C-alpha cells in the first residue's frame, strides 16, 4: 500500500481554509480600520495546522470535513490572535513572524492589540452564526464546540499556559510542570481542533476519546520540536529569530533534558499518537501523516 502523500493534501486543505477565512474576515470587518491589519495578520503565512486537523478529524470518523469549516476557521482566528499578542513588546517583543514584520511593527501597538481582540471575537461570531443557520441537533453540537474552544483558549487553556510561561522565566520547572504548561499553552487549542472535528463529524465516544489522546500527544510533540528548532533551526526557514528561548531563560525541553533526549521524547510522543489511531482505517491517514510531519518539520 502506497504511503499517504501529505503535501498535496495540505496544499488543498490550506487553500480551502484560506479562502473561507478571508470570506469570514471580509464579512465581519466592514471597516477598513480593522480589515487591513486583521487581513495582514491572517495572510502572513502559517501552516494552518489547527484547522487542517479539525477537517482531518471529521474525515477520520467518516464525517463531512466541509461541515466543520466555520469551526476550523474560528480556531485559526484564535491562534492568529494569540500570535499577534505574543509578539507584542509587553510579552515576547518579536519583530518578525513567518518572515514578515509582526503586526505591531507593521502598523502600531494599539492596532495590533485591537486586531487580536477583533479576531478573538470574530471566532465566536463565526461559530455562533453557523449555529443559528442549522438544525437544533447541529446547533446543540456547536454550543458544545463553543464550550470546548472557549475552555481551550481561556484561563483553563492557552491563556493560563501563556501566563505560566511568563511567570516561570528564569525558574527551573520539573518535567511534570513543564508538560502541564505546554499542554495548556500549545496543546489545548490543538486538542480542541481535533475534538471539535470529531464531534461535528459524528464520531462515537470511543473514536473521540482516541482522537483526543492522539491530539494530546501531537500537541506536546509540536512544542518539543518548537523548542528544538529555537536552538537548531534556520531563521530563514523559520521566519523568526532563533536562540530567543535561552535569552529569555524560558523553560524548554532542551534546557531541561538536552537536545538528544528531547528528540527521543518527541519521537515517543508521535509513536503513542500513531498507536491511538490504530482504531481507524485509511480515512485517518491524513492524521497519521500530520503526526509524522510534526516530528520531521524544519519550520
Protein backbone atom coordinates (compact mmCIF):
# COMPACT_ATOMS: atom_id res chain seq x y z
CA UNK A 1 0.00 0.00 0.00
CA UNK A 2 1.42 3.39 -1.01
CA UNK A 3 2.13 5.91 1.72
CA UNK A 4 -0.26 8.83 2.01
CA UNK A 5 1.14 11.93 0.27
CA UNK A 6 0.70 14.77 2.74
CA UNK A 7 1.99 17.65 0.64
CA UNK A 8 -0.87 17.90 -1.90
CA UNK A 9 -3.38 17.24 0.88
CA UNK A 10 -2.03 20.13 2.96
CA UNK A 11 -1.90 22.40 -0.10
CA UNK A 12 -5.52 21.68 -0.98
CA UNK A 13 -6.81 21.97 2.59
CA UNK A 14 -4.83 25.13 3.24
CA UNK A 15 -6.30 26.79 0.15
CA UNK A 16 -9.83 25.92 1.24
CA UNK A 17 -9.18 27.24 4.74
CA UNK A 18 -7.54 30.43 3.41
CA UNK A 19 -10.46 31.13 1.08
CA UNK A 20 -13.00 30.56 3.85
CA UNK A 21 -11.01 32.65 6.34
CA UNK A 22 -10.85 35.63 4.01
CA UNK A 23 -14.56 35.31 3.36
CA UNK A 24 -15.39 35.44 7.06
CA UNK A 25 -12.99 38.33 7.70
CA UNK A 26 -14.42 40.44 4.90
CA UNK A 27 -17.92 39.77 6.16
CA UNK A 28 -17.13 40.54 9.79
CA UNK A 29 -14.76 43.51 9.26
CA UNK A 30 -16.88 46.11 7.44
CA UNK A 31 -14.43 48.92 8.26
CA UNK A 32 -11.01 49.27 6.64
CA UNK A 33 -9.62 50.28 10.05
CA UNK A 34 -9.70 46.64 11.14
CA UNK A 35 -9.89 44.84 7.80
CA UNK A 36 -6.36 45.79 6.74
CA UNK A 37 -4.41 44.75 9.87
CA UNK A 38 -6.54 41.65 10.50
CA UNK A 39 -6.10 40.51 6.90
CA UNK A 40 -2.36 41.21 7.15
CA UNK A 41 -2.02 39.04 10.25
CA UNK A 42 -4.12 36.18 8.93
CA UNK A 43 -2.46 36.07 5.50
CA UNK A 44 1.11 36.44 6.75
CA UNK A 45 1.76 32.73 6.17
CA UNK A 46 1.32 29.81 8.50
CA UNK A 47 0.78 26.09 8.14
CA UNK A 48 -2.94 26.14 9.09
CA UNK A 49 -2.19 23.05 11.18
CA UNK A 50 -5.10 23.52 13.60
CA UNK A 51 -7.88 23.98 11.02
CA UNK A 52 -6.48 21.14 8.91
CA UNK A 53 -6.51 18.89 11.99
CA UNK A 54 -10.15 19.85 12.57
CA UNK A 55 -11.08 18.90 9.00
CA UNK A 56 -9.00 15.70 9.11
CA UNK A 57 -10.57 14.58 12.40
CA UNK A 58 -14.04 14.85 10.85
CA UNK A 59 -12.81 12.84 7.87
CA UNK A 60 -11.34 10.17 10.16
CA UNK A 61 -14.79 9.45 11.67
CA UNK A 62 -16.38 9.39 8.18
CA UNK A 63 -17.96 12.83 8.61
CA UNK A 64 -18.12 15.73 6.18
CA UNK A 65 -14.99 17.88 6.63
CA UNK A 66 -16.62 20.88 4.98
CA UNK A 67 -19.29 20.96 7.70
CA UNK A 68 -16.53 21.77 10.20
CA UNK A 69 -15.09 24.68 8.18
CA UNK A 70 -16.61 27.50 10.30
CA UNK A 71 -15.12 25.97 13.43
CA UNK A 72 -11.80 25.24 11.72
CA UNK A 73 -11.57 28.90 10.67
CA UNK A 74 -12.60 30.11 14.12
CA UNK A 75 -9.78 28.12 15.72
CA UNK A 76 -7.28 29.63 13.27
CA UNK A 77 -8.59 33.11 14.14
CA UNK A 78 -7.92 32.39 17.81
CA UNK A 79 -4.47 31.04 17.02
CA UNK A 80 -3.62 34.14 14.97
CA UNK A 81 -4.88 36.45 17.70
CA UNK A 82 -2.64 34.66 20.20
CA UNK A 83 0.39 35.14 17.94
CA UNK A 84 -0.32 38.87 17.48
CA UNK A 85 -0.48 39.33 21.24
CA UNK A 86 2.51 37.03 21.90
CA UNK A 87 4.67 39.21 19.65
CA UNK A 88 3.80 42.46 21.46
CA UNK A 89 6.56 44.34 23.33
CA UNK A 90 4.88 43.54 26.66
CA UNK A 91 5.17 39.81 26.01
CA UNK A 92 7.82 38.29 23.71
CA UNK A 93 8.65 41.53 21.83
CA UNK A 94 9.28 39.80 18.49
CA UNK A 95 9.81 41.91 15.34
CA UNK A 96 9.29 39.03 12.88
CA UNK A 97 6.62 36.40 12.44
CA UNK A 98 6.76 33.99 9.49
CA UNK A 99 9.46 36.13 7.88
CA UNK A 100 7.36 39.32 7.92
CA UNK A 101 7.15 42.26 10.32
CA UNK A 102 4.85 41.44 13.20
CA UNK A 103 1.52 43.25 13.39
CA UNK A 104 2.67 45.87 15.90
CA UNK A 105 5.75 46.60 13.77
CA UNK A 106 3.83 46.78 10.50
CA UNK A 107 1.12 49.02 11.98
CA UNK A 108 1.45 50.06 15.63
CA UNK A 109 0.98 48.53 19.07
CA UNK A 110 -2.58 49.77 19.57
CA UNK A 111 -3.67 48.43 16.18
CA UNK A 112 -2.08 45.08 16.94
CA UNK A 113 -3.92 44.79 20.26
CA UNK A 114 -7.23 45.66 18.61
CA UNK A 115 -6.57 43.23 15.74
CA UNK A 116 -6.05 40.40 18.20
CA UNK A 117 -9.20 41.38 20.08
CA UNK A 118 -11.13 41.51 16.80
CA UNK A 119 -10.02 38.03 15.76
CA UNK A 120 -10.96 36.50 19.11
CA UNK A 121 -14.45 37.96 18.87
CA UNK A 122 -14.80 37.02 15.20
CA UNK A 123 -14.04 33.41 16.08
CA UNK A 124 -17.12 33.15 18.27
CA UNK A 125 -19.23 35.15 15.82
CA UNK A 126 -18.29 32.61 13.14
CA UNK A 127 -19.28 29.59 15.24
CA UNK A 128 -22.47 31.09 16.65
CA UNK A 129 -23.68 32.32 13.26
CA UNK A 130 -23.16 28.81 11.88
CA UNK A 131 -25.32 27.54 14.74
CA UNK A 132 -28.12 29.97 14.00
CA UNK A 133 -28.48 28.65 10.47
CA UNK A 134 -28.70 24.94 11.23
CA UNK A 135 -30.89 22.30 12.85
CA UNK A 136 -31.42 22.02 16.61
CA UNK A 137 -29.18 18.94 16.79
CA UNK A 138 -26.30 20.66 14.97
CA UNK A 139 -26.86 23.86 16.96
CA UNK A 140 -26.51 21.84 20.17
CA UNK A 141 -23.22 20.42 18.90
CA UNK A 142 -21.99 23.90 18.01
CA UNK A 143 -22.87 25.09 21.50
CA UNK A 144 -20.69 22.26 22.80
CA UNK A 145 -17.98 23.38 20.36
CA UNK A 146 -18.12 26.91 21.80
CA UNK A 147 -17.61 25.41 25.26
CA UNK A 148 -14.63 23.32 24.07
CA UNK A 149 -12.98 26.18 22.19
CA UNK A 150 -13.52 28.82 24.89
CA UNK A 151 -12.16 26.41 27.51
CA UNK A 152 -9.10 25.68 25.36
CA UNK A 153 -8.34 29.33 24.63
CA UNK A 154 -9.08 30.84 28.04
CA UNK A 155 -7.89 30.66 31.62
CA UNK A 156 -8.26 26.87 31.67
CA UNK A 157 -6.20 26.54 28.50
CA UNK A 158 -3.96 28.70 26.32
CA UNK A 159 -4.09 31.91 28.38
CA UNK A 160 -3.12 30.07 31.56
CA UNK A 161 -0.27 28.41 29.68
CA UNK A 162 0.98 31.75 28.41
CA UNK A 163 0.76 33.23 31.91
CA UNK A 164 2.79 30.35 33.33
CA UNK A 165 5.34 30.70 30.53
CA UNK A 166 5.93 34.33 31.51
CA UNK A 167 5.77 33.77 35.27
CA UNK A 168 8.32 30.96 35.25
CA UNK A 169 11.02 32.62 33.14
CA UNK A 170 14.30 32.03 34.95
CA UNK A 171 12.73 29.43 37.25
CA UNK A 172 13.57 25.79 36.55
CA UNK A 173 10.41 23.66 36.36
CA UNK A 174 10.02 19.94 36.96
CA UNK A 175 9.26 17.79 33.89
CA UNK A 176 5.67 17.43 35.11
CA UNK A 177 5.20 21.19 35.49
CA UNK A 178 6.75 21.86 32.07
CA UNK A 179 4.47 19.32 30.43
CA UNK A 180 1.42 20.86 32.12
CA UNK A 181 2.48 24.33 30.92
CA UNK A 182 2.85 23.23 27.29
CA UNK A 183 -0.33 21.14 27.29
CA UNK A 184 -2.10 24.39 28.14
CA UNK A 185 -0.15 26.91 26.05
CA UNK A 186 0.23 24.92 22.82
CA UNK A 187 -1.64 21.68 23.26
CA UNK A 188 -5.06 22.95 24.35
CA UNK A 189 -6.00 24.54 21.02
CA UNK A 190 -4.65 21.58 19.03
CA UNK A 191 -6.69 19.23 21.19
CA UNK A 192 -9.78 21.43 20.71
CA UNK A 193 -9.35 21.40 16.93
CA UNK A 194 -9.29 17.59 16.80
CA UNK A 195 -12.06 17.21 19.39
CA UNK A 196 -14.39 19.61 17.54
CA UNK A 197 -13.75 17.98 14.18
CA UNK A 198 -14.51 14.52 15.55
CA UNK A 199 -17.61 15.75 17.37
CA UNK A 200 -19.06 17.56 14.36
CA UNK A 201 -18.11 14.63 12.13
CA UNK A 202 -20.38 12.36 14.19
CA UNK A 203 -17.67 10.32 15.90
CA UNK A 204 -18.54 7.83 18.62
CA UNK A 205 -17.35 8.35 22.19
CA UNK A 206 -14.65 5.73 21.67
CA UNK A 207 -13.46 7.38 18.45
CA UNK A 208 -13.45 10.83 20.05
CA UNK A 209 -11.51 9.55 23.08
CA UNK A 210 -8.85 8.00 20.82
CA UNK A 211 -8.59 11.18 18.75
CA UNK A 212 -8.22 13.33 21.85
CA UNK A 213 -5.41 11.04 23.01
CA UNK A 214 -3.78 11.47 19.59
CA UNK A 215 -4.17 15.25 19.84
CA UNK A 216 -2.60 15.44 23.31
CA UNK A 217 0.48 13.56 22.06
CA UNK A 218 0.99 15.57 18.88
CA UNK A 219 0.32 18.86 20.70
CA UNK A 220 3.13 18.19 23.15
CA UNK A 221 5.41 16.85 20.40
CA UNK A 222 4.79 20.02 18.39
CA UNK A 223 6.04 22.13 21.30
CA UNK A 224 9.07 19.90 21.91
CA UNK A 225 10.05 20.30 18.24
CA UNK A 226 9.46 24.06 18.51
CA UNK A 227 11.84 24.15 21.47
CA UNK A 228 14.46 22.22 19.49
CA UNK A 229 14.09 24.45 16.41
CA UNK A 230 14.58 27.55 18.56
CA UNK A 231 18.12 26.24 19.08
CA UNK A 232 18.96 24.37 15.88
CA UNK A 233 16.59 25.87 13.31
CA UNK A 234 17.39 28.04 10.31
CA UNK A 235 15.93 31.53 10.94
CA UNK A 236 15.35 31.98 7.20
CA UNK A 237 13.21 28.83 7.13
CA UNK A 238 11.51 29.57 10.43
CA UNK A 239 10.78 33.19 9.53
CA UNK A 240 11.73 34.30 13.04
CA UNK A 241 14.75 34.61 15.31
CA UNK A 242 16.34 31.60 16.98
CA UNK A 243 18.02 31.42 20.39
CA UNK A 244 15.34 33.59 21.98
CA UNK A 245 14.20 30.95 24.49
CA UNK A 246 17.65 30.79 26.06
CA UNK A 247 17.97 34.59 26.10
CA UNK A 248 14.68 34.90 27.99
CA UNK A 249 15.50 31.94 30.27
CA UNK A 250 12.33 30.16 29.22
CA UNK A 251 11.53 26.65 30.32
CA UNK A 252 12.07 24.34 27.36
CA UNK A 253 12.65 20.65 26.86
CA UNK A 254 16.23 21.05 25.58
CA UNK A 255 17.05 23.18 28.64
CA UNK A 256 15.56 20.52 30.90
CA UNK A 257 16.78 17.30 29.27
CA UNK A 258 19.15 18.23 26.44
CA UNK A 259 18.68 18.06 22.68
CA UNK A 260 19.10 14.31 22.19
CA UNK A 261 16.67 13.34 24.93
CA UNK A 262 14.22 15.96 23.69
CA UNK A 263 14.28 14.40 20.23
CA UNK A 264 13.74 10.94 21.74
CA UNK A 265 10.83 12.24 23.81
CA UNK A 266 9.20 13.82 20.74
CA UNK A 267 9.57 10.55 18.80
CA UNK A 268 7.99 8.60 21.66
CA UNK A 269 5.07 11.01 21.73
CA UNK A 270 4.48 10.57 17.99
CA UNK A 271 4.63 6.78 18.36
CA UNK A 272 1.92 6.96 21.03
CA UNK A 273 -0.14 9.30 18.85
CA UNK A 274 0.01 6.80 15.99
CA UNK A 275 -0.99 3.99 18.36
CA UNK A 276 -4.07 6.00 19.31
CA UNK A 277 -5.13 5.88 15.64
CA UNK A 278 -4.99 2.08 15.45
CA UNK A 279 -8.79 2.06 15.81
CA UNK A 280 -9.21 3.85 12.46
CA UNK A 281 -8.98 2.83 8.81
CA UNK A 282 -7.29 4.74 5.99
CA UNK A 283 -9.62 7.72 6.48
CA UNK A 284 -7.25 8.66 9.32
CA UNK A 285 -4.18 8.58 7.05
CA UNK A 286 -4.02 12.40 6.92
CA UNK A 287 -3.80 12.45 10.73
CA UNK A 288 -1.07 9.80 10.65
CA UNK A 289 0.88 11.80 8.08
CA UNK A 290 0.48 15.03 10.08
CA UNK A 291 1.92 13.29 13.15
CA UNK A 292 5.00 12.27 11.16
CA UNK A 293 5.25 15.75 9.67
CA UNK A 294 5.35 17.31 13.14
CA UNK A 295 8.46 15.37 14.06
CA UNK A 296 10.17 15.97 10.70
CA UNK A 297 9.37 19.64 10.17
CA UNK A 298 12.06 22.29 9.84
CA UNK A 299 9.81 25.33 10.24
